[in-house]
Amino acid sequence: MSSLTSYYLWVIALTAALLYPVGQLIWTVSVRRLQRKLQKNLSPEEMQGQKKRAYFVAIIVCLAFSLLFNYRLLDMG
């Protein structure tokens, strides 16, 4: 297996491993911030919307972190 293939497999693995905890963290912070801002509890639809947004952001954050982390760890440069 080439080093580039190994790199991409590790990027995918790390992204997948981090996606759930990072998504939950972003979602929790987002919901609490919005509840404080609106001074009311969110409806289930609003919470679902926040969850979609949080996981979209989490995918970007985890992928970027994983790319940079594995680039440095596997000494690709």
PDB file of N, CA and C in Angstrom:
ATOM      1  N   MET A   1       0.859  -1.176   0.000  1.00  0.00           N
ATOM      2  CA  MET A   1       0.000   0.000   0.000  1.00  0.00           C
ATOM      3  C   MET A   1       0.901   1.234   0.000  1.00  0.00           C
ATOM      4  N   SER A   2       0.576   2.152  -0.866  1.00  0.00           N
ATOM      5  CA  SER A   2       1.404   3.356  -0.978  1.00  0.00           C
ATOM      6  C   SER A   2       1.178   4.273   0.224  1.00  0.00           C
ATOM      7  N   SER A   3       2.105   5.161   0.393  1.00  0.00           N
ATOM      8  CA  SER A   3       2.022   6.096   1.516  1.00  0.00           C
ATOM      9  C   SER A   3       0.832   7.042   1.366  1.00  0.00           C
ATOM     10  N   LEU A   4       0.510   7.406   0.121  1.00  0.00           N
ATOM     11  CA  LEU A   4      -0.623   8.305  -0.114  1.00  0.00           C
ATOM     12  C   LEU A   4      -1.950   7.617   0.206  1.00  0.00           C
ATOM     13  N   THR A   5      -2.069   6.345  -0.154  1.00  0.00           N
ATOM     14  CA  THR A   5      -3.276   5.580   0.167  1.00  0.00           C
ATOM     15  C   THR A   5      -3.424   5.436   1.675  1.00  0.00           C
ATOM     16  N   SER A   6      -2.327   5.149   2.325  1.00  0.00           N
ATOM     17  CA  SER A   6      -2.329   5.035   3.784  1.00  0.00           C
ATOM     18  C   SER A   6      -2.756   6.351   4.433  1.00  0.00           C
ATOM     19  N   TYR A   7      -2.253   7.452   3.890  1.00  0.00           N
ATOM     20  CA  TYR A   7      -2.603   8.778   4.402  1.00  0.00           C
ATOM     21  C   TYR A   7      -4.113   9.003   4.323  1.00  0.00           C
ATOM     22  N   TYR A   8      -4.699   8.745   3.165  1.00  0.00           N
ATOM     23  CA  TYR A   8      -6.134   8.972   2.998  1.00  0.00           C
ATOM     24  C   TYR A   8      -6.969   8.038   3.876  1.00  0.00           C
ATOM     25  N   LEU A   9      -6.527   6.817   4.056  1.00  0.00           N
ATOM     26  CA  LEU A   9      -7.258   5.899   4.938  1.00  0.00           C
ATOM     27  C   LEU A   9      -7.230   6.390   6.386  1.00  0.00           C
ATOM     28  N   TRP A  10      -6.085   6.893   6.832  1.00  0.00           N
ATOM     29  CA  TRP A  10      -5.991   7.421   8.188  1.00  0.00           C
ATOM     30  C   TRP A  10      -6.808   8.700   8.354  1.00  0.00           C
ATOM     31  N   VAL A  11      -6.856   9.513   7.316  1.00  0.00           N
ATOM     32  CA  VAL A  11      -7.673  10.729   7.358  1.00  0.00           C
ATOM     33  C   VAL A  11      -9.144  10.357   7.532  1.00  0.00           C
ATOM     34  N   ILE A  12      -9.610   9.398   6.751  1.00  0.00           N
ATOM     35  CA  ILE A  12     -11.005   8.957   6.844  1.00  0.00           C
ATOM     36  C   ILE A  12     -11.295   8.341   8.208  1.00  0.00           C
ATOM     37  N   ALA A  13     -10.372   7.520   8.702  1.00  0.00           N
ATOM     38  CA  ALA A  13     -10.573   6.870   9.997  1.00  0.00           C
ATOM     39  C   ALA A  13     -10.650   7.889  11.134  1.00  0.00           C
ATOM     40  N   LEU A  14      -9.738   8.851  11.141  1.00  0.00           N
ATOM     41  CA  LEU A  14      -9.739   9.858  12.208  1.00  0.00           C
ATOM     42  C   LEU A  14     -10.960  10.764  12.118  1.00  0.00           C
ATOM     43  N   THR A  15     -11.341  11.134  10.908  1.00  0.00           N
ATOM     44  CA  THR A  15     -12.537  11.955  10.727  1.00  0.00           C
ATOM     45  C   THR A  15     -13.768  11.229  11.250  1.00  0.00           C
ATOM     46  N   ALA A  16     -13.891   9.949  10.912  1.00  0.00           N
ATOM     47  CA  ALA A  16     -15.042   9.156  11.367  1.00  0.00           C
ATOM     48  C   ALA A  16     -15.055   9.018  12.885  1.00  0.00           C
ATOM     49  N   ALA A  17     -13.886   8.829  13.476  1.00  0.00           N
ATOM     50  CA  ALA A  17     -13.809   8.662  14.930  1.00  0.00           C
ATOM     51  C   ALA A  17     -14.163   9.952  15.672  1.00  0.00           C
ATOM     52  N   LEU A  18     -13.836  11.086  15.106  1.00  0.00           N
ATOM     53  CA  LEU A  18     -14.070  12.366  15.780  1.00  0.00           C
ATOM     54  C   LEU A  18     -15.433  12.979  15.486  1.00  0.00           C
ATOM     55  N   LEU A  19     -16.102  12.514  14.448  1.00  0.00           N
ATOM     56  CA  LEU A  19     -17.325  13.170  13.997  1.00  0.00           C
ATOM     57  C   LEU A  19     -18.417  13.206  15.066  1.00  0.00           C
ATOM     58  N   TYR A  20     -18.724  12.095  15.699  1.00  0.00           N
ATOM     59  CA  TYR A  20     -19.810  12.072  16.686  1.00  0.00           C
ATOM     60  C   TYR A  20     -19.515  12.958  17.904  1.00  0.00           C
ATOM     61  N   PRO A  21     -18.363  12.799  18.579  1.00  0.00           N
ATOM     62  CA  PRO A  21     -18.142  13.652  19.758  1.00  0.00           C
ATOM     63  C   PRO A  21     -18.045  15.141  19.425  1.00  0.00           C
ATOM     64  N   VAL A  22     -17.413  15.485  18.335  1.00  0.00           N
ATOM     65  CA  VAL A  22     -17.295  16.900  17.959  1.00  0.00           C
ATOM     66  C   VAL A  22     -18.665  17.448  17.572  1.00  0.00           C
ATOM     67  N   GLY A  23     -19.447  16.661  16.841  1.00  0.00           N
ATOM     68  CA  GLY A  23     -20.795  17.085  16.460  1.00  0.00           C
ATOM     69  C   GLY A  23     -21.678  17.321  17.670  1.00  0.00           C
ATOM     70  N   GLN A  24     -21.597  16.417  18.647  1.00  0.00           N
ATOM     71  CA  GLN A  24     -22.388  16.573  19.873  1.00  0.00           C
ATOM     72  C   GLN A  24     -21.954  17.815  20.652  1.00  0.00           C
ATOM     73  N   LEU A  25     -20.653  18.050  20.711  1.00  0.00           N
ATOM     74  CA  LEU A  25     -20.142  19.221  21.429  1.00  0.00           C
ATOM     75  C   LEU A  25     -20.613  20.516  20.763  1.00  0.00           C
ATOM     76  N   ILE A  26     -20.481  20.593  19.460  1.00  0.00           N
ATOM     77  CA  ILE A  26     -20.920  21.790  18.738  1.00  0.00           C
ATOM     78  C   ILE A  26     -22.427  21.973  18.888  1.00  0.00           C
ATOM     79  N   TRP A  27     -23.174  20.894  18.788  1.00  0.00           N
ATOM     80  CA  TRP A  27     -24.632  20.961  18.916  1.00  0.00           C
ATOM     81  C   TRP A  27     -25.046  21.459  20.295  1.00  0.00           C
ATOM     82  N   THR A  28     -24.430  20.923  21.341  1.00  0.00           N
ATOM     83  CA  THR A  28     -24.765  21.322  22.707  1.00  0.00           C
ATOM     84  C   THR A  28     -24.491  22.810  22.932  1.00  0.00           C
ATOM     85  N   VAL A  29     -23.334  23.256  22.515  1.00  0.00           N
ATOM     86  CA  VAL A  29     -22.983  24.670  22.675  1.00  0.00           C
ATOM     87  C   VAL A  29     -23.930  25.549  21.866  1.00  0.00           C
ATOM     88  N   SER A  30     -24.254  25.118  20.660  1.00  0.00           N
ATOM     89  CA  SER A  30     -25.142  25.886  19.786  1.00  0.00           C
ATOM     90  C   SER A  30     -26.551  26.007  20.372  1.00  0.00           C
ATOM     91  N   VAL A  31     -27.082  24.896  20.877  1.00  0.00           N
ATOM     92  CA  VAL A  31     -28.430  24.908  21.454  1.00  0.00           C
ATOM     93  C   VAL A  31     -28.468  25.791  22.700  1.00  0.00           C
ATOM     94  N   ARG A  32     -27.491  25.653  23.564  1.00  0.00           N
ATOM     95  CA  ARG A  32     -27.468  26.468  24.786  1.00  0.00           C
ATOM     96  C   ARG A  32     -27.339  27.951  24.467  1.00  0.00           C
ATOM     97  N   ARG A  33     -26.489  28.282  23.485  1.00  0.00           N
ATOM     98  CA  ARG A  33     -26.317  29.684  23.092  1.00  0.00           C
ATOM     99  C   ARG A  33     -27.618  30.247  22.535  1.00  0.00           C
ATOM    100  N   LEU A  34     -28.304  29.480  21.693  1.00  0.00           N
ATOM    101  CA  LEU A  34     -29.549  29.949  21.098  1.00  0.00           C
ATOM    102  C   LEU A  34     -30.657  30.069  22.150  1.00  0.00           C
ATOM    103  N   GLN A  35     -30.686  29.143  23.109  1.00  0.00           N
ATOM    104  CA  GLN A  35     -31.688  29.236  24.182  1.00  0.00           C
ATOM    105  C   GLN A  35     -31.464  30.480  25.031  1.00  0.00           C
ATOM    106  N   ARG A  36     -30.208  30.787  25.321  1.00  0.00           N
ATOM    107  CA  ARG A  36     -29.913  32.013  26.074  1.00  0.00           C
ATOM    108  C   ARG A  36     -30.290  33.248  25.276  1.00  0.00           C
ATOM    109  N   LYS A  37     -29.998  33.226  23.982  1.00  0.00           N
ATOM    110  CA  LYS A  37     -30.291  34.385  23.137  1.00  0.00           C
ATOM    111  C   LYS A  37     -31.797  34.610  23.024  1.00  0.00           C
ATOM    112  N   LEU A  38     -32.566  33.540  22.821  1.00  0.00           N
ATOM    113  CA  LEU A  38     -34.016  33.667  22.664  1.00  0.00           C
ATOM    114  C   LEU A  38     -34.764  33.673  23.994  1.00  0.00           C
ATOM    115  N   GLN A  39     -34.090  33.289  25.058  1.00  0.00           N
ATOM    116  CA  GLN A  39     -34.667  33.202  26.399  1.00  0.00           C
ATOM    117  C   GLN A  39     -35.899  32.304  26.438  1.00  0.00           C
ATOM    118  N   LYS A  40     -35.797  31.151  25.769  1.00  0.00           N
ATOM    119  CA  LYS A  40     -36.859  30.143  25.794  1.00  0.00           C
ATOM    120  C   LYS A  40     -36.269  28.808  25.381  1.00  0.00           C
ATOM    121  N   ASN A  41     -36.988  27.730  25.693  1.00  0.00           N
ATOM    122  CA  ASN A  41     -36.566  26.407  25.249  1.00  0.00           C
ATOM    123  C   ASN A  41     -36.871  26.269  23.761  1.00  0.00           C
ATOM    124  N   LEU A  42     -36.011  25.552  23.064  1.00  0.00           N
ATOM    125  CA  LEU A  42     -36.191  25.364  21.631  1.00  0.00           C
ATOM    126  C   LEU A  42     -37.190  24.249  21.353  1.00  0.00           C
ATOM    127  N   SER A  43     -37.899  24.378  20.256  1.00  0.00           N
ATOM    128  CA  SER A  43     -38.818  23.333  19.828  1.00  0.00           C
ATOM    129  C   SER A  43     -38.000  22.184  19.232  1.00  0.00           C
ATOM    130  N   PRO A  44     -38.597  20.995  19.122  1.00  0.00           N
ATOM    131  CA  PRO A  44     -37.870  19.869  18.502  1.00  0.00           C
ATOM    132  C   PRO A  44     -37.399  20.171  17.078  1.00  0.00           C
ATOM    133  N   GLU A  45     -38.178  20.938  16.316  1.00  0.00           N
ATOM    134  CA  GLU A  45     -37.769  21.287  14.958  1.00  0.00           C
ATOM    135  C   GLU A  45     -36.541  22.192  14.966  1.00  0.00           C
ATOM    136  N   GLU A  46     -36.520  23.151  15.895  1.00  0.00           N
ATOM    137  CA  GLU A  46     -35.365  24.045  16.001  1.00  0.00           C
ATOM    138  C   GLU A  46     -34.126  23.278  16.443  1.00  0.00           C
ATOM    139  N   MET A  47     -34.306  22.344  17.367  1.00  0.00           N
ATOM    140  CA  MET A  47     -33.179  21.543  17.827  1.00  0.00           C
ATOM    141  C   MET A  47     -32.644  20.652  16.700  1.00  0.00           C
ATOM    142  N   GLN A  48     -33.535  20.114  15.881  1.00  0.00           N
ATOM    143  CA  GLN A  48     -33.108  19.291  14.752  1.00  0.00           C
ATOM    144  C   GLN A  48     -32.334  20.133  13.738  1.00  0.00           C
ATOM    145  N   GLY A  49     -32.798  21.353  13.517  1.00  0.00           N
ATOM    146  CA  GLY A  49     -32.079  22.259  12.625  1.00  0.00           C
ATOM    147  C   GLY A  49     -30.686  22.577  13.143  1.00  0.00           C
ATOM    148  N   GLN A  50     -30.580  22.782  14.446  1.00  0.00           N
ATOM    149  CA  GLN A  50     -29.274  23.033  15.052  1.00  0.00           C
ATOM    150  C   GLN A  50     -28.367  21.817  14.933  1.00  0.00           C
ATOM    151  N   LYS A  51     -28.956  20.624  15.051  1.00  0.00           N
ATOM    152  CA  LYS A  51     -28.162  19.395  14.947  1.00  0.00           C
ATOM    153  C   LYS A  51     -27.612  19.240  13.531  1.00  0.00           C
ATOM    154  N   LYS A  52     -28.427  19.521  12.512  1.00  0.00           N
ATOM    155  CA  LYS A  52     -27.940  19.440  11.128  1.00  0.00           C
ATOM    156  C   LYS A  52     -26.802  20.422  10.896  1.00  0.00           C
ATOM    157  N   ARG A  53     -26.972  21.632  11.375  1.00  0.00           N
ATOM    158  CA  ARG A  53     -25.938  22.652  11.220  1.00  0.00           C
ATOM    159  C   ARG A  53     -24.671  22.249  11.971  1.00  0.00           C
ATOM    160  N   ALA A  54     -24.826  21.722  13.170  1.00  0.00           N
ATOM    161  CA  ALA A  54     -23.673  21.330  13.979  1.00  0.00           C
ATOM    162  C   ALA A  54     -22.880  20.214  13.308  1.00  0.00           C
ATOM    163  N   TYR A  55     -23.565  19.228  12.746  1.00  0.00           N
ATOM    164  CA  TYR A  55     -22.853  18.133  12.098  1.00  0.00           C
ATOM    165  C   TYR A  55     -22.220  18.560  10.784  1.00  0.00           C
ATOM    166  N   PHE A  56     -22.808  19.515  10.098  1.00  0.00           N
ATOM    167  CA  PHE A  56     -22.176  20.064   8.888  1.00  0.00           C
ATOM    168  C   PHE A  56     -20.861  20.746   9.264  1.00  0.00           C
ATOM    169  N   VAL A  57     -20.890  21.549  10.304  1.00  0.00           N
ATOM    170  CA  VAL A  57     -19.676  22.227  10.770  1.00  0.00           C
ATOM    171  C   VAL A  57     -18.667  21.198  11.288  1.00  0.00           C
ATOM    172  N   ALA A  58     -19.151  20.170  11.988  1.00  0.00           N
ATOM    173  CA  ALA A  58     -18.262  19.149  12.534  1.00  0.00           C
ATOM    174  C   ALA A  58     -17.538  18.384  11.430  1.00  0.00           C
ATOM    175  N   ILE A  59     -18.211  18.117  10.330  1.00  0.00           N
ATOM    176  CA  ILE A  59     -17.554  17.425   9.220  1.00  0.00           C
ATOM    177  C   ILE A  59     -16.387  18.264   8.696  1.00  0.00           C
ATOM    178  N   ILE A  60     -16.623  19.546   8.514  1.00  0.00           N
ATOM    179  CA  ILE A  60     -15.559  20.425   8.010  1.00  0.00           C
ATOM    180  C   ILE A  60     -14.402  20.511   8.995  1.00  0.00           C
ATOM    181  N   VAL A  61     -14.715  20.706  10.267  1.00  0.00           N
ATOM    182  CA  VAL A  61     -13.676  20.840  11.296  1.00  0.00           C
ATOM    183  C   VAL A  61     -12.878  19.548  11.433  1.00  0.00           C
ATOM    184  N   CYS A  62     -13.563  18.409  11.511  1.00  0.00           N
ATOM    185  CA  CYS A  62     -12.879  17.129  11.687  1.00  0.00           C
ATOM    186  C   CYS A  62     -12.031  16.771  10.478  1.00  0.00           C
ATOM    187  N   LEU A  63     -12.550  17.041   9.303  1.00  0.00           N
ATOM    188  CA  LEU A  63     -11.785  16.736   8.085  1.00  0.00           C
ATOM    189  C   LEU A  63     -10.529  17.607   8.007  1.00  0.00           C
ATOM    190  N   ALA A  64     -10.669  18.887   8.288  1.00  0.00           N
ATOM    191  CA  ALA A  64      -9.513  19.779   8.251  1.00  0.00           C
ATOM    192  C   ALA A  64      -8.475  19.367   9.302  1.00  0.00           C
ATOM    193  N   PHE A  65      -8.938  19.076  10.509  1.00  0.00           N
ATOM    194  CA  PHE A  65      -8.014  18.643  11.558  1.00  0.00           C
ATOM    195  C   PHE A  65      -7.325  17.342  11.179  1.00  0.00           C
ATOM    196  N   SER A  66      -8.096  16.396  10.671  1.00  0.00           N
ATOM    197  CA  SER A  66      -7.554  15.097  10.315  1.00  0.00           C
ATOM    198  C   SER A  66      -6.530  15.200   9.187  1.00  0.00           C
ATOM    199  N   LEU A  67      -6.820  16.014   8.185  1.00  0.00           N
ATOM    200  CA  LEU A  67      -5.864  16.211   7.091  1.00  0.00           C
ATOM    201  C   LEU A  67      -4.540  16.765   7.610  1.00  0.00           C
ATOM    202  N   LEU A  68      -4.619  17.812   8.423  1.00  0.00           N
ATOM    203  CA  LEU A  68      -3.401  18.436   8.940  1.00  0.00           C
ATOM    204  C   LEU A  68      -2.667  17.547   9.939  1.00  0.00           C
ATOM    205  N   PHE A  69      -3.410  16.896  10.812  1.00  0.00           N
ATOM    206  CA  PHE A  69      -2.796  16.031  11.825  1.00  0.00           C
ATOM    207  C   PHE A  69      -2.060  14.870  11.165  1.00  0.00           C
ATOM    208  N   ASN A  70      -2.720  14.191  10.233  1.00  0.00           N
ATOM    209  CA  ASN A  70      -2.086  13.046   9.579  1.00  0.00           C
ATOM    210  C   ASN A  70      -0.961  13.478   8.651  1.00  0.00           C
ATOM    211  N   TYR A  71      -1.068  14.634   8.048  1.00  0.00           N
ATOM    212  CA  TYR A  71       0.010  15.159   7.215  1.00  0.00           C
ATOM    213  C   TYR A  71       1.280  15.307   8.042  1.00  0.00           C
ATOM    214  N   ARG A  72       1.095  15.860   9.233  1.00  0.00           N
ATOM    215  CA  ARG A  72       2.248  16.058  10.117  1.00  0.00           C
ATOM    216  C   ARG A  72       2.710  14.730  10.731  1.00  0.00           C
ATOM    217  N   LEU A  73       1.774  13.901  11.158  1.00  0.00           N
ATOM    218  CA  LEU A  73       2.124  12.634  11.820  1.00  0.00           C
ATOM    219  C   LEU A  73       2.847  11.686  10.876  1.00  0.00           C
ATOM    220  N   LEU A  74       2.374  11.584   9.644  1.00  0.00           N
ATOM    221  CA  LEU A  74       2.987  10.668   8.676  1.00  0.00           C
ATOM    222  C   LEU A  74       4.141  11.314   7.912  1.00  0.00           C
ATOM    223  N   ASP A  75       4.483  12.551   8.287  1.00  0.00           N
ATOM    224  CA  ASP A  75       5.607  13.283   7.702  1.00  0.00           C
ATOM    225  C   ASP A  75       5.526  13.287   6.177  1.00  0.00           C
ATOM    226  N   MET A  76       4.388  13.782   5.669  1.00  0.00           N
ATOM    227  CA  MET A  76       4.161  13.794   4.230  1.00  0.00           C
ATOM    228  C   MET A  76       4.914  14.921   3.530  1.00  0.00           C
ATOM    229  N   GLY A  77       5.362  15.906   4.277  1.00  0.00           N
ATOM    230  CA  GLY A  77       6.002  17.058   3.677  1.00  0.00           C
ATOM    231  C   GLY A  77       7.460  16.879   3.369  1.00  0.00           C
TER     232      GLY A  77
END
